[in-house]
C-alpha atoms as a PDB file:
ATOM      1  CA  MET A   1     -14.509-128.767-184.550  1.00  0.00           C
ATOM      2  CA  LYS A   2     -11.358-128.589-186.681  1.00  0.00           C
ATOM      3  CA  LYS A   3      -9.341-131.741-187.269  1.00  0.00           C
ATOM      4  CA  ASP A   4      -6.258-130.542-185.365  1.00  0.00           C
ATOM      5  CA  GLN A   5      -8.435-129.489-182.431  1.00  0.00           C
ATOM      6  CA  LEU A   6     -10.088-132.896-182.261  1.00  0.00           C
ATOM      7  CA  GLU A   7      -6.722-134.629-182.370  1.00  0.00           C
ATOM      8  CA  PHE A   8      -5.519-132.410-179.536  1.00  0.00           C
ATOM      9  CA  LEU A   9      -8.587-133.274-177.465  1.00  0.00           C
ATOM     10  CA  LYS A  10      -7.981-136.978-178.059  1.00  0.00           C
ATOM     11  CA  THR A  11      -4.350-136.532-177.010  1.00  0.00           C
ATOM     12  CA  LEU A  12      -5.404-134.863-173.771  1.00  0.00           C
ATOM     13  CA  LEU A  13      -7.869-137.646-173.010  1.00  0.00           C
ATOM     14  CA  ALA A  14      -5.301-140.338-173.777  1.00  0.00           C
ATOM     15  CA  ALA A  15      -2.916-138.844-171.224  1.00  0.00           C
ATOM     16  CA  HIS A  16      -3.288-139.865-167.588  1.00  0.00           C
ATOM     17  CA  GLY A  17      -2.801-137.375-164.780  1.00  0.00           C
ATOM     18  CA  PRO A  18      -4.595-137.521-161.440  1.00  0.00           C
ATOM     19  CA  SER A  19      -3.987-134.690-158.992  1.00  0.00           C
ATOM     20  CA  GLY A  20      -0.334-134.577-158.003  1.00  0.00           C
ATOM     21  CA  TYR A  21       0.708-136.726-160.968  1.00  0.00           C
ATOM     22  CA  GLU A  22       0.077-134.365-163.880  1.00  0.00           C
ATOM     23  CA  GLU A  23       3.416-134.786-165.695  1.00  0.00           C
ATOM     24  CA  THR A  24       2.038-136.587-168.760  1.00  0.00           C
ATOM     25  CA  ILE A  25      -0.988-134.387-169.297  1.00  0.00           C
ATOM     26  CA  ARG A  26       1.061-131.243-168.710  1.00  0.00           C
ATOM     27  CA  ALA A  27       3.539-132.303-171.405  1.00  0.00           C
ATOM     28  CA  ALA A  28       0.715-132.939-173.894  1.00  0.00           C
ATOM     29  CA  TRP A  29      -0.862-129.544-173.192  1.00  0.00           C
ATOM     30  CA  ARG A  30       2.473-127.755-173.404  1.00  0.00           C
ATOM     31  CA  LYS A  31       3.321-129.348-176.754  1.00  0.00           C
ATOM     32  CA  ARG A  32       0.163-127.832-178.243  1.00  0.00           C
ATOM     33  CA  VAL A  33       0.530-124.268-176.945  1.00  0.00           C
ATOM     34  CA  GLU A  34       4.288-123.770-177.231  1.00  0.00           C
ATOM     35  CA  LYS A  35       4.010-123.388-181.020  1.00  0.00           C
ATOM     36  CA  PHE A  36       1.709-120.382-180.591  1.00  0.00           C
ATOM     37  CA  ALA A  37       2.474-118.706-177.248  1.00  0.00           C
ATOM     38  CA  ASP A  38       5.237-116.147-176.726  1.00  0.00           C
ATOM     39  CA  THR A  39       6.323-117.916-173.548  1.00  0.00           C
ATOM     40  CA  VAL A  40       5.461-121.181-171.821  1.00  0.00           C
ATOM     41  CA  THR A  41       6.550-121.852-168.248  1.00  0.00           C
ATOM     42  CA  THR A  42       5.772-124.280-165.444  1.00  0.00           C
ATOM     43  CA  ASP A  43       5.567-122.986-161.883  1.00  0.00           C
ATOM     44  CA  VAL A  44       6.572-124.783-158.691  1.00  0.00           C
ATOM     45  CA  MET A  45       3.078-126.235-158.203  1.00  0.00           C
ATOM     46  CA  GLY A  46       3.103-127.702-161.712  1.00  0.00           C
ATOM     47  CA  ASN A  47       0.752-125.277-163.462  1.00  0.00           C
ATOM     48  CA  CYS A  48       1.642-124.895-167.147  1.00  0.00           C
ATOM     49  CA  ILE A  49       1.393-121.208-168.108  1.00  0.00           C
ATOM     50  CA  ALA A  50       1.264-120.041-171.741  1.00  0.00           C
ATOM     51  CA  THR A  51       1.372-116.304-172.428  1.00  0.00           C
ATOM     52  CA  LEU A  52       0.363-114.525-175.629  1.00  0.00           C
ATOM     53  CA  ASN A  53       1.137-110.826-176.178  1.00  0.00           C
ATOM     54  CA  PRO A  54       2.856-110.369-172.781  1.00  0.00           C
ATOM     55  CA  ASN A  55       2.938-106.561-172.983  1.00  0.00           C
ATOM     56  CA  GLY A  56      -0.765-106.260-173.693  1.00  0.00           C
ATOM     57  CA  SER A  57      -3.459-104.937-171.356  1.00  0.00           C
ATOM     58  CA  PRO A  58      -5.664-106.060-169.721  1.00  0.00           C
ATOM     59  CA  LYS A  59      -4.133-109.337-168.652  1.00  0.00           C
ATOM     60  CA  VAL A  60      -6.710-112.127-169.029  1.00  0.00           C
ATOM     61  CA  LEU A  61      -6.201-115.446-167.258  1.00  0.00           C
ATOM     62  CA  LEU A  62      -7.930-118.452-168.852  1.00  0.00           C
ATOM     63  CA  ALA A  63      -7.726-121.325-166.377  1.00  0.00           C
ATOM     64  CA  GLY A  64      -8.736-124.921-167.019  1.00  0.00           C
ATOM     65  CA  HIS A  65      -7.521-127.584-164.625  1.00  0.00           C
ATOM     66  CA  CYS A  66      -5.837-130.570-166.251  1.00  0.00           C
ATOM     67  CA  ASP A  67      -5.842-133.053-163.355  1.00  0.00           C
ATOM     68  CA  GLU A  68      -8.366-135.857-163.004  1.00  0.00           C
ATOM     69  CA  ILE A  69      -9.654-138.050-160.209  1.00  0.00           C
ATOM     70  CA  GLY A  70      -7.840-141.317-159.572  1.00  0.00           C
ATOM     71  CA  PHE A  71      -6.373-143.514-156.870  1.00  0.00           C
ATOM     72  CA  GLN A  72      -3.066-143.995-155.074  1.00  0.00           C
ATOM     73  CA  VAL A  73      -1.595-147.346-154.046  1.00  0.00           C
ATOM     74  CA  SER A  74      -1.379-147.394-150.244  1.00  0.00           C
ATOM     75  CA  HIS A  75      -0.798-151.063-149.311  1.00  0.00           C
ATOM     76  CA  ILE A  76       0.277-154.390-150.830  1.00  0.00           C
ATOM     77  CA  ASP A  77      -0.978-157.453-148.970  1.00  0.00           C
ATOM     78  CA  ASP A  78       0.730-160.837-148.635  1.00  0.00           C
ATOM     79  CA  LYS A  79      -1.169-162.237-151.623  1.00  0.00           C
ATOM     80  CA  GLY A  80      -0.078-159.410-153.922  1.00  0.00           C
ATOM     81  CA  PHE A  81      -3.330-157.459-154.001  1.00  0.00           C
ATOM     82  CA  LEU A  82      -3.060-153.665-154.042  1.00  0.00           C
ATOM     83  CA  PHE A  83      -5.139-151.485-151.761  1.00  0.00           C
ATOM     84  CA  PHE A  84      -5.632-147.830-152.506  1.00  0.00           C
ATOM     85  CA  ARG A  85      -6.872-144.431-151.430  1.00  0.00           C
ATOM     86  CA  GLN A  86      -8.935-141.962-153.406  1.00  0.00           C
ATOM     87  CA  ILE A  87      -7.551-138.973-155.283  1.00  0.00           C
ATOM     88  CA  GLY A  88     -10.582-136.723-155.532  1.00  0.00           C
ATOM     89  CA  GLY A  89     -14.181-137.801-155.092  1.00  0.00           C
ATOM     90  CA  HIS A  90     -15.443-141.130-156.460  1.00  0.00           C
ATOM     91  CA  ASP A  91     -18.743-142.966-156.548  1.00  0.00           C
ATOM     92  CA  LEU A  92     -17.394-146.157-154.993  1.00  0.00           C
ATOM     93  CA  SER A  93     -20.477-148.118-156.036  1.00  0.00           C
ATOM     94  CA  ILE A  94     -19.216-148.168-159.639  1.00  0.00           C
ATOM     95  CA  VAL A  95     -15.507-148.723-158.971  1.00  0.00           C
ATOM     96  CA  PRO A  96     -15.438-152.560-158.661  1.00  0.00           C
ATOM     97  CA  GLY A  97     -14.820-154.634-161.772  1.00  0.00           C
ATOM     98  CA  ARG A  98     -13.052-151.869-163.703  1.00  0.00           C
ATOM     99  CA  ARG A  99      -9.880-152.147-165.722  1.00  0.00           C
ATOM    100  CA  VAL A 100      -7.278-149.720-164.422  1.00  0.00           C
ATOM    101  CA  LEU A 101      -3.708-148.675-165.076  1.00  0.00           C
ATOM    102  CA  ILE A 102      -1.141-148.393-162.303  1.00  0.00           C
ATOM    103  CA  HIS A 103       1.399-145.762-163.319  1.00  0.00           C
ATOM    104  CA  THR A 104       4.754-147.107-162.155  1.00  0.00           C
ATOM    105  CA  HIS A 105       8.258-145.758-162.732  1.00  0.00           C
ATOM    106  CA  LYS A 106       8.676-148.540-165.309  1.00  0.00           C
ATOM    107  CA  GLY A 107       5.486-147.631-167.170  1.00  0.00           C
ATOM    108  CA  PRO A 108       1.749-148.408-166.951  1.00  0.00           C
ATOM    109  CA  LEU A 109       0.711-151.749-165.461  1.00  0.00           C
ATOM    110  CA  ALA A 110      -2.719-153.286-166.085  1.00  0.00           C
ATOM    111  CA  GLY A 111      -4.999-154.239-163.224  1.00  0.00           C
ATOM    112  CA  VAL A 112      -8.632-154.843-162.309  1.00  0.00           C
ATOM    113  CA  THR A 113     -10.501-153.445-159.318  1.00  0.00           C
ATOM    114  CA  GLY A 114     -12.054-156.177-157.196  1.00  0.00           C
ATOM    115  CA  LYS A 115     -14.402-156.789-154.291  1.00  0.00           C
ATOM    116  CA  LYS A 116     -16.292-159.721-152.827  1.00  0.00           C
ATOM    117  CA  ALA A 117     -18.572-161.295-155.461  1.00  0.00           C
ATOM    118  CA  ILE A 118     -22.287-160.662-155.012  1.00  0.00           C
ATOM    119  CA  HIS A 119     -22.902-164.417-154.549  1.00  0.00           C
ATOM    120  CA  LEU A 120     -20.725-164.378-151.413  1.00  0.00           C
ATOM    121  CA  MET A 121     -22.289-161.302-149.839  1.00  0.00           C
ATOM    122  CA  SER A 122     -25.022-161.200-147.211  1.00  0.00           C
ATOM    123  CA  PRO A 123     -28.370-159.642-148.208  1.00  0.00           C
ATOM    124  CA  GLU A 124     -27.527-156.583-146.103  1.00  0.00           C
ATOM    125  CA  ASP A 125     -24.070-156.148-147.627  1.00  0.00           C
ATOM    126  CA  ARG A 126     -25.568-156.227-151.108  1.00  0.00           C
ATOM    127  CA  LYS A 127     -27.453-153.007-150.306  1.00  0.00           C
ATOM    128  CA  LYS A 128     -24.374-151.102-149.146  1.00  0.00           C
ATOM    129  CA  VAL A 129     -21.912-148.996-151.111  1.00  0.00           C
ATOM    130  CA  PRO A 130     -18.470-150.492-150.447  1.00  0.00           C
ATOM    131  CA  GLU A 131     -15.937-148.482-148.501  1.00  0.00           C
ATOM    132  CA  VAL A 132     -12.597-147.858-150.140  1.00  0.00           C
ATOM    133  CA  HIS A 133     -10.740-150.230-147.804  1.00  0.00           C
ATOM    134  CA  GLU A 134     -13.053-153.049-148.969  1.00  0.00           C
ATOM    135  CA  LEU A 135     -11.793-152.708-152.555  1.00  0.00           C
ATOM    136  CA  TRP A 136      -8.496-153.757-154.094  1.00  0.00           C
ATOM    137  CA  ILE A 137      -6.624-154.010-157.381  1.00  0.00           C
ATOM    138  CA  ASP A 138      -5.669-157.373-158.862  1.00  0.00           C
ATOM    139  CA  ILE A 139      -2.591-157.266-161.122  1.00  0.00           C
ATOM    140  CA  GLY A 140      -2.287-161.049-161.311  1.00  0.00           C
ATOM    141  CA  ALA A 141       0.689-161.178-158.941  1.00  0.00           C
ATOM    142  CA  LYS A 142       1.307-164.494-157.171  1.00  0.00           C
ATOM    143  CA  ASP A 143       2.446-162.884-153.904  1.00  0.00           C
ATOM    144  CA  LYS A 144       3.594-159.684-152.208  1.00  0.00           C
ATOM    145  CA  ASP A 145       7.174-159.974-153.438  1.00  0.00           C
ATOM    146  CA  GLU A 146       6.123-160.112-157.072  1.00  0.00           C
ATOM    147  CA  ALA A 147       3.691-157.220-156.686  1.00  0.00           C
ATOM    148  CA  ALA A 148       6.252-155.119-154.797  1.00  0.00           C
ATOM    149  CA  SER A 149       8.792-155.675-157.569  1.00  0.00           C
ATOM    150  CA  LEU A 150       6.378-154.002-159.977  1.00  0.00           C
ATOM    151  CA  VAL A 151       4.471-151.451-157.913  1.00  0.00           C
ATOM    152  CA  GLU A 152       5.574-148.960-155.270  1.00  0.00           C
ATOM    153  CA  LEU A 153       3.459-147.386-152.558  1.00  0.00           C
ATOM    154  CA  GLY A 154       2.349-143.999-153.827  1.00  0.00           C
ATOM    155  CA  ASP A 155       1.964-145.043-157.469  1.00  0.00           C
ATOM    156  CA  SER A 156      -1.078-143.436-159.084  1.00  0.00           C
ATOM    157  CA  VAL A 157      -3.973-145.324-160.668  1.00  0.00           C
ATOM    158  CA  THR A 158      -6.491-144.296-163.326  1.00  0.00           C
ATOM    159  CA  HIS A 159      -9.324-145.993-165.174  1.00  0.00           C
ATOM    160  CA  ASP A 160      -8.256-147.635-168.431  1.00  0.00           C
ATOM    161  CA  LEU A 161     -10.885-145.978-170.606  1.00  0.00           C
ATOM    162  CA  GLY A 162     -10.489-143.409-173.375  1.00  0.00           C
ATOM    163  CA  TYR A 163     -12.218-141.467-176.119  1.00  0.00           C
ATOM    164  CA  GLN A 164     -15.392-142.894-177.675  1.00  0.00           C
ATOM    165  CA  GLU A 165     -17.659-141.107-180.144  1.00  0.00           C
ATOM    166  CA  LEU A 166     -21.420-141.295-179.622  1.00  0.00           C
ATOM    167  CA  ARG A 167     -24.289-139.930-181.691  1.00  0.00           C
ATOM    168  CA  ASN A 168     -24.934-136.220-182.380  1.00  0.00           C
ATOM    169  CA  ASN A 169     -21.391-134.973-181.698  1.00  0.00           C
ATOM    170  CA  LEU A 170     -21.379-136.399-178.180  1.00  0.00           C
ATOM    171  CA  VAL A 171     -18.273-138.120-176.848  1.00  0.00           C
ATOM    172  CA  ALA A 172     -17.554-140.352-173.855  1.00  0.00           C
ATOM    173  CA  SER A 173     -14.305-140.663-171.930  1.00  0.00           C
ATOM    174  CA  ARG A 174     -12.763-140.622-168.505  1.00  0.00           C
ATOM    175  CA  ALA A 175     -11.279-137.245-167.532  1.00  0.00           C
ATOM    176  CA  LEU A 176     -13.551-134.998-169.582  1.00  0.00           C
ATOM    177  CA  ASP A 177     -13.523-133.336-166.158  1.00  0.00           C
ATOM    178  CA  ASN A 178     -11.532-131.312-166.857  1.00  0.00           C
ATOM    179  CA  ARG A 179      -9.512-131.958-169.971  1.00  0.00           C
ATOM    180  CA  THR A 180     -12.298-130.025-171.681  1.00  0.00           C
ATOM    181  CA  GLY A 181     -11.484-126.867-169.722  1.00  0.00           C
ATOM    182  CA  ALA A 182      -7.764-127.238-170.356  1.00  0.00           C
ATOM    183  CA  PHE A 183      -8.611-127.775-174.032  1.00  0.00           C
ATOM    184  CA  VAL A 184     -10.717-124.604-174.246  1.00  0.00           C
ATOM    185  CA  ALA A 185      -8.038-122.482-172.558  1.00  0.00           C
ATOM    186  CA  ALA A 186      -5.372-123.744-174.953  1.00  0.00           C
ATOM    187  CA  GLU A 187      -7.486-123.526-178.099  1.00  0.00           C
ATOM    188  CA  THR A 188      -8.573-119.976-177.297  1.00  0.00           C
ATOM    189  CA  LEU A 189      -4.912-118.968-177.174  1.00  0.00           C
ATOM    190  CA  VAL A 190      -4.210-120.870-180.403  1.00  0.00           C
ATOM    191  CA  THR A 191      -7.177-119.214-182.149  1.00  0.00           C
ATOM    192  CA  LEU A 192      -6.032-115.745-181.078  1.00  0.00           C
ATOM    193  CA  ALA A 193      -2.447-116.435-182.133  1.00  0.00           C
ATOM    194  CA  ARG A 194      -3.653-117.508-185.566  1.00  0.00           C
ATOM    195  CA  GLY A 195      -5.961-114.522-185.904  1.00  0.00           C
ATOM    196  CA  LYS A 196      -5.279-111.651-188.260  1.00  0.00           C
ATOM    197  CA  GLY A 197      -6.528-108.906-185.943  1.00  0.00           C
ATOM    198  CA  LYS A 198      -4.270-106.996-183.558  1.00  0.00           C
ATOM    199  CA  LEU A 199      -4.629-108.270-180.007  1.00  0.00           C
ATOM    200  CA  ALA A 200      -4.687-105.568-177.329  1.00  0.00           C
ATOM    201  CA  ALA A 201      -4.970-107.891-174.336  1.00  0.00           C
ATOM    202  CA  CYS A 202      -2.359-110.147-172.804  1.00  0.00           C
ATOM    203  CA  VAL A 203      -3.821-113.654-172.726  1.00  0.00           C
ATOM    204  CA  VAL A 204      -2.492-116.161-170.214  1.00  0.00           C
ATOM    205  CA  ALA A 205      -3.802-119.704-170.686  1.00  0.00           C
ATOM    206  CA  VAL A 206      -3.083-122.015-167.765  1.00  0.00           C
ATOM    207  CA  ALA A 207      -3.514-125.751-167.311  1.00  0.00           C
ATOM    208  CA  THR A 208      -3.919-125.699-163.548  1.00  0.00           C
ATOM    209  CA  VAL A 209      -3.198-128.645-161.259  1.00  0.00           C
ATOM    210  CA  HIS A 210      -4.504-130.082-157.971  1.00  0.00           C
ATOM    211  CA  GLU A 211      -8.062-128.839-158.534  1.00  0.00           C
ATOM    212  CA  GLU A 212      -9.643-132.138-157.533  1.00  0.00           C
ATOM    213  CA  ILE A 213      -7.950-132.060-154.126  1.00  0.00           C
ATOM    214  CA  GLY A 214      -8.600-128.472-153.120  1.00  0.00           C
ATOM    215  CA  LEU A 215      -8.244-125.961-155.989  1.00  0.00           C
ATOM    216  CA  ARG A 216      -4.604-125.519-155.069  1.00  0.00           C
ATOM    217  CA  GLY A 217      -2.944-124.979-158.432  1.00  0.00           C
ATOM    218  CA  ALA A 218      -5.170-122.044-159.328  1.00  0.00           C
ATOM    219  CA  ILE A 219      -4.270-120.323-156.061  1.00  0.00           C
ATOM    220  CA  THR A 220      -0.606-120.067-157.012  1.00  0.00           C
ATOM    221  CA  ALA A 221      -1.339-119.507-160.721  1.00  0.00           C
ATOM    222  CA  ALA A 222      -3.595-116.534-160.022  1.00  0.00           C
ATOM    223  CA  TYR A 223      -1.152-115.076-157.511  1.00  0.00           C
ATOM    224  CA  GLY A 224       1.828-115.558-159.804  1.00  0.00           C
ATOM    225  CA  THR A 225       0.267-114.222-163.004  1.00  0.00           C
ATOM    226  CA  ASN A 226      -1.614-111.387-161.233  1.00  0.00           C
ATOM    227  CA  PRO A 227      -4.354-110.995-163.885  1.00  0.00           C
ATOM    228  CA  ASP A 228      -6.829-108.158-164.316  1.00  0.00           C
ATOM    229  CA  ILE A 229      -9.497-110.620-165.459  1.00  0.00           C
ATOM    230  CA  GLY A 230      -9.734-114.305-164.617  1.00  0.00           C
ATOM    231  CA  ILE A 231     -12.004-116.790-166.375  1.00  0.00           C
ATOM    232  CA  CYS A 232     -12.318-120.358-165.144  1.00  0.00           C
ATOM    233  CA  ILE A 233     -13.367-123.036-167.613  1.00  0.00           C
ATOM    234  CA  ASP A 234     -14.569-126.223-165.937  1.00  0.00           C
ATOM    235  CA  VAL A 235     -17.295-128.784-166.403  1.00  0.00           C
ATOM    236  CA  THR A 236     -20.783-128.330-165.020  1.00  0.00           C
ATOM    237  CA  HIS A 237     -23.581-130.825-164.505  1.00  0.00           C
ATOM    238  CA  ALA A 238     -25.794-131.429-167.528  1.00  0.00           C
ATOM    239  CA  THR A 239     -29.265-132.009-166.136  1.00  0.00           C
ATOM    240  CA  ASP A 240     -30.858-133.494-169.249  1.00  0.00           C
ATOM    241  CA  SER A 241     -30.566-137.133-168.191  1.00  0.00           C
ATOM    242  CA  PRO A 242     -33.200-139.139-166.261  1.00  0.00           C
ATOM    243  CA  GLY A 243     -33.854-138.658-162.560  1.00  0.00           C
ATOM    244  CA  LEU A 244     -33.014-134.958-162.253  1.00  0.00           C
ATOM    245  CA  ASP A 245     -35.423-132.219-161.171  1.00  0.00           C
ATOM    246  CA  PRO A 246     -35.094-128.794-162.858  1.00  0.00           C
ATOM    247  CA  LYS A 247     -36.478-127.100-159.737  1.00  0.00           C
ATOM    248  CA  LYS A 248     -33.551-128.437-157.713  1.00  0.00           C
ATOM    249  CA  ASP A 249     -30.867-129.099-160.296  1.00  0.00           C
ATOM    250  CA  GLY A 250     -31.488-126.368-162.875  1.00  0.00           C
ATOM    251  CA  VAL A 251     -31.677-126.768-166.642  1.00  0.00           C
ATOM    252  CA  VAL A 252     -28.389-127.394-168.460  1.00  0.00           C
ATOM    253  CA  LYS A 253     -28.335-129.376-171.701  1.00  0.00           C
ATOM    254  CA  LEU A 254     -25.613-130.987-173.763  1.00  0.00           C
ATOM    255  CA  GLY A 255     -25.151-129.277-177.121  1.00  0.00           C
ATOM    256  CA  ALA A 256     -26.819-126.023-176.036  1.00  0.00           C
ATOM    257  CA  GLY A 257     -23.572-124.166-175.459  1.00  0.00           C
ATOM    258  CA  PRO A 258     -21.373-123.435-172.449  1.00  0.00           C
ATOM    259  CA  SER A 259     -22.972-122.107-169.292  1.00  0.00           C
ATOM    260  CA  LEU A 260     -22.276-118.734-167.701  1.00  0.00           C
ATOM    261  CA  THR A 261     -22.619-118.593-163.936  1.00  0.00           C
ATOM    262  CA  ARG A 262     -24.399-115.688-162.258  1.00  0.00           C
ATOM    263  CA  GLY A 263     -23.928-115.048-158.548  1.00  0.00           C
ATOM    264  CA  ALA A 264     -21.506-113.883-155.893  1.00  0.00           C
ATOM    265  CA  ALA A 265     -18.573-115.898-157.236  1.00  0.00           C
ATOM    266  CA  VAL A 266     -18.314-113.842-160.431  1.00  0.00           C
ATOM    267  CA  ASN A 267     -18.254-110.231-161.580  1.00  0.00           C
ATOM    268  CA  ALA A 268     -21.699-109.114-162.751  1.00  0.00           C
ATOM    269  CA  LYS A 269     -20.445-106.653-165.395  1.00  0.00           C
ATOM    270  CA  LEU A 270     -18.029-109.150-166.915  1.00  0.00           C
ATOM    271  CA  THR A 271     -20.676-111.867-167.000  1.00  0.00           C
ATOM    272  CA  ARG A 272     -23.212-109.518-168.583  1.00  0.00           C
ATOM    273  CA  HIS A 273     -20.622-108.554-171.194  1.00  0.00           C
ATOM    274  CA  LEU A 274     -20.075-112.233-172.050  1.00  0.00           C
ATOM    275  CA  ILE A 275     -23.826-112.841-172.298  1.00  0.00           C
ATOM    276  CA  GLU A 276     -24.344-109.899-174.649  1.00  0.00           C
ATOM    277  CA  LEU A 277     -21.316-110.926-176.692  1.00  0.00           C
ATOM    278  CA  ALA A 278     -22.704-114.439-177.092  1.00  0.00           C
ATOM    279  CA  LYS A 279     -26.022-112.994-178.248  1.00  0.00           C
ATOM    280  CA  ASN A 280     -24.391-110.636-180.757  1.00  0.00           C
ATOM    281  CA  GLU A 281     -22.086-113.336-182.140  1.00  0.00           C
ATOM    282  CA  LYS A 282     -24.930-115.890-182.209  1.00  0.00           C
ATOM    283  CA  ILE A 283     -22.957-118.250-179.983  1.00  0.00           C
ATOM    284  CA  PRO A 284     -25.175-120.653-178.011  1.00  0.00           C
ATOM    285  CA  TYR A 285     -24.953-120.277-174.244  1.00  0.00           C
ATOM    286  CA  GLN A 286     -26.809-121.188-171.068  1.00  0.00           C
ATOM    287  CA  ILE A 287     -27.110-119.486-167.695  1.00  0.00           C
ATOM    288  CA  GLU A 288     -26.648-121.079-164.285  1.00  0.00           C
ATOM    289  CA  ALA A 289     -27.601-119.466-160.996  1.00  0.00           C
ATOM    290  CA  ASN A 290     -25.280-119.980-158.025  1.00  0.00           C
ATOM    291  CA  PRO A 291     -25.714-117.665-155.034  1.00  0.00           C
ATOM    292  CA  GLY A 292     -22.551-118.721-153.216  1.00  0.00           C
ATOM    293  CA  ARG A 293     -19.121-120.163-153.778  1.00  0.00           C
ATOM    294  CA  VAL A 294     -18.496-122.046-157.030  1.00  0.00           C
ATOM    295  CA  GLY A 295     -16.750-125.352-156.343  1.00  0.00           C
ATOM    296  CA  ASN A 296     -13.957-124.915-158.859  1.00  0.00           C
ATOM    297  CA  ASP A 297     -10.953-122.709-159.637  1.00  0.00           C
ATOM    298  CA  THR A 298     -13.186-119.626-159.975  1.00  0.00           C
ATOM    299  CA  TRP A 299     -12.991-119.132-156.214  1.00  0.00           C
ATOM    300  CA  SER A 300      -9.197-119.437-156.127  1.00  0.00           C
ATOM    301  CA  ILE A 301      -8.883-116.786-158.820  1.00  0.00           C
ATOM    302  CA  GLN A 302     -11.521-114.442-157.392  1.00  0.00           C
ATOM    303  CA  VAL A 303      -9.803-114.068-154.008  1.00  0.00           C
ATOM    304  CA  ALA A 304      -6.200-113.899-155.259  1.00  0.00           C
ATOM    305  CA  ARG A 305      -4.183-110.955-153.932  1.00  0.00           C
ATOM    306  CA  ALA A 306      -6.642-108.040-153.582  1.00  0.00           C
ATOM    307  CA  GLY A 307      -9.266-109.768-155.741  1.00  0.00           C
ATOM    308  CA  VAL A 308      -9.700-110.501-159.438  1.00  0.00           C
ATOM    309  CA  THR A 309     -12.592-109.773-161.796  1.00  0.00           C
ATOM    310  CA  THR A 310     -13.875-113.273-162.547  1.00  0.00           C
ATOM    311  CA  ALA A 311     -16.239-115.236-164.760  1.00  0.00           C
ATOM    312  CA  ASP A 312     -17.134-118.916-164.719  1.00  0.00           C
ATOM    313  CA  ILE A 313     -17.619-120.866-167.954  1.00  0.00           C
ATOM    314  CA  GLY A 314     -19.198-124.314-167.600  1.00  0.00           C
ATOM    315  CA  ILE A 315     -18.879-127.168-170.101  1.00  0.00           C
ATOM    316  CA  PRO A 316     -22.008-129.347-169.669  1.00  0.00           C
ATOM    317  CA  LEU A 317     -21.183-132.911-168.671  1.00  0.00           C
ATOM    318  CA  ARG A 318     -23.197-136.024-167.886  1.00  0.00           C
ATOM    319  CA  TYR A 319     -22.040-138.639-165.363  1.00  0.00           C
ATOM    320  CA  MET A 320     -19.341-136.478-163.763  1.00  0.00           C
ATOM    321  CA  HIS A 321     -16.617-138.302-161.798  1.00  0.00           C
ATOM    322  CA  THR A 322     -17.324-141.636-163.432  1.00  0.00           C
ATOM    323  CA  PRO A 323     -15.117-143.638-165.817  1.00  0.00           C
ATOM    324  CA  SER A 324     -17.328-142.672-168.790  1.00  0.00           C
ATOM    325  CA  GLU A 325     -18.324-139.026-168.683  1.00  0.00           C
ATOM    326  CA  VAL A 326     -20.276-137.655-171.664  1.00  0.00           C
ATOM    327  CA  GLY A 327     -19.922-134.213-173.242  1.00  0.00           C
ATOM    328  CA  SER A 328     -20.578-132.374-176.499  1.00  0.00           C
ATOM    329  CA  LEU A 329     -17.971-131.321-179.051  1.00  0.00           C
ATOM    330  CA  GLU A 330     -20.319-128.493-180.048  1.00  0.00           C
ATOM    331  CA  ASP A 331     -20.170-127.025-176.544  1.00  0.00           C
ATOM    332  CA  LEU A 332     -16.376-127.041-176.645  1.00  0.00           C
ATOM    333  CA  ALA A 333     -16.328-125.276-180.007  1.00  0.00           C
ATOM    334  CA  ALA A 334     -18.809-122.674-178.760  1.00  0.00           C
ATOM    335  CA  ALA A 335     -16.726-121.999-175.645  1.00  0.00           C
ATOM    336  CA  VAL A 336     -13.583-121.447-177.725  1.00  0.00           C
ATOM    337  CA  LYS A 337     -15.485-119.135-180.060  1.00  0.00           C
ATOM    338  CA  LEU A 338     -16.917-117.092-177.183  1.00  0.00           C
ATOM    339  CA  LEU A 339     -13.633-116.657-175.333  1.00  0.00           C
ATOM    340  CA  SER A 340     -11.746-115.878-178.543  1.00  0.00           C
ATOM    341  CA  ALA A 341     -14.283-113.181-179.393  1.00  0.00           C
ATOM    342  CA  PHE A 342     -14.063-111.810-175.859  1.00  0.00           C
ATOM    343  CA  CYS A 343     -10.278-111.641-175.633  1.00  0.00           C
ATOM    344  CA  GLY A 344      -9.883-110.472-179.216  1.00  0.00           C
ATOM    345  CA  GLY A 345     -12.436-107.706-178.767  1.00  0.00           C
ATOM    346  CA  LEU A 346     -11.015-106.160-175.603  1.00  0.00           C
ATOM    347  CA  LYS A 347      -9.744-102.607-175.928  1.00  0.00           C
ATOM    348  CA  LYS A 348      -6.400-101.661-174.437  1.00  0.00           C
ATOM    349  CA  GLY A 349      -6.649-101.247-170.673  1.00  0.00           C
ATOM    350  CA  ALA A 350     -10.262-102.450-170.483  1.00  0.00           C
ATOM    351  CA  ARG A 351     -11.606-103.147-166.998  1.00  0.00           C
ATOM    352  CA  PHE A 352     -14.865-104.389-165.519  1.00  0.00           C
ATOM    353  CA  GLY A 353     -15.629-102.784-162.187  1.00  0.00           C
ATOM    354  CA  VAL A 354     -18.217-103.562-159.531  1.00  0.00           C
ATOM    355  CA  GLU A 355     -21.767-102.439-160.200  1.00  0.00           C
END
């Protein structure tokens, strides 16, 4: 991965933006693409839309959601402890004892998630996963008045963890789901803009919002941009860690390239084209089988207007929806290379019909 690309990825991961609170991450993404795109706009939902070669054909939508899971402050008790609700899906068994940031109008405020200590729990309670109302955030306030002077109901909360390099080009961070997809969409546009070849297609890279709470940003982005081809880039489960069964969970490995989904949620001709392109360009890839609906923005794009020709690109990820997700820089680079080759190789007016 090039130095400027890695710095951009780190910038995305340093930004905080749970669903509905994407202002900071959107600004970071926009700053990268606006130097290369012909136009950059933000729609009413908050999707950031960068367009390259606007008069080209076909129009290709590259969508990677930029929001992350998090929490929202919902109550402040008399002692100054903050109670919260979930933004997106969390494994509540690993939430207690974490350092978090409450994003207030005055700036980020440090806190720690708390629950009853194990020494004070009954044997039965020790076996249970806590419910969200049994957890709280401690900001060190002495009472409700002090806490309320610092925090407002509705403030968002994220884990206070960032980028960490591991061995073999693996990295750990919160929000790899799905800063990686937003990264790939942006860097594909940047690569094409820097390229020397003439681009026939119009490429629309979008950092979509609200994916973690119902795929909502992609619905309006796909409707508004009205693409001929739509490709969703999101994380997928790497199944190369302990405790997973390939018969049930499939085989997806970190560092073996992005995955291409086959099934009803995508266009068979487009997916086959991407597979053959990866083979010809010697780009590593993996295949995932999914007979039904894909649980990401692919669905929102596929059913937009009268339907869109879609493909689903997966970035393998371990420990999804935890504070320390793990992914591969090599998979990100391969995804950018594949999508750049695809968009750059399209002939004017190219279409992929139904077999």
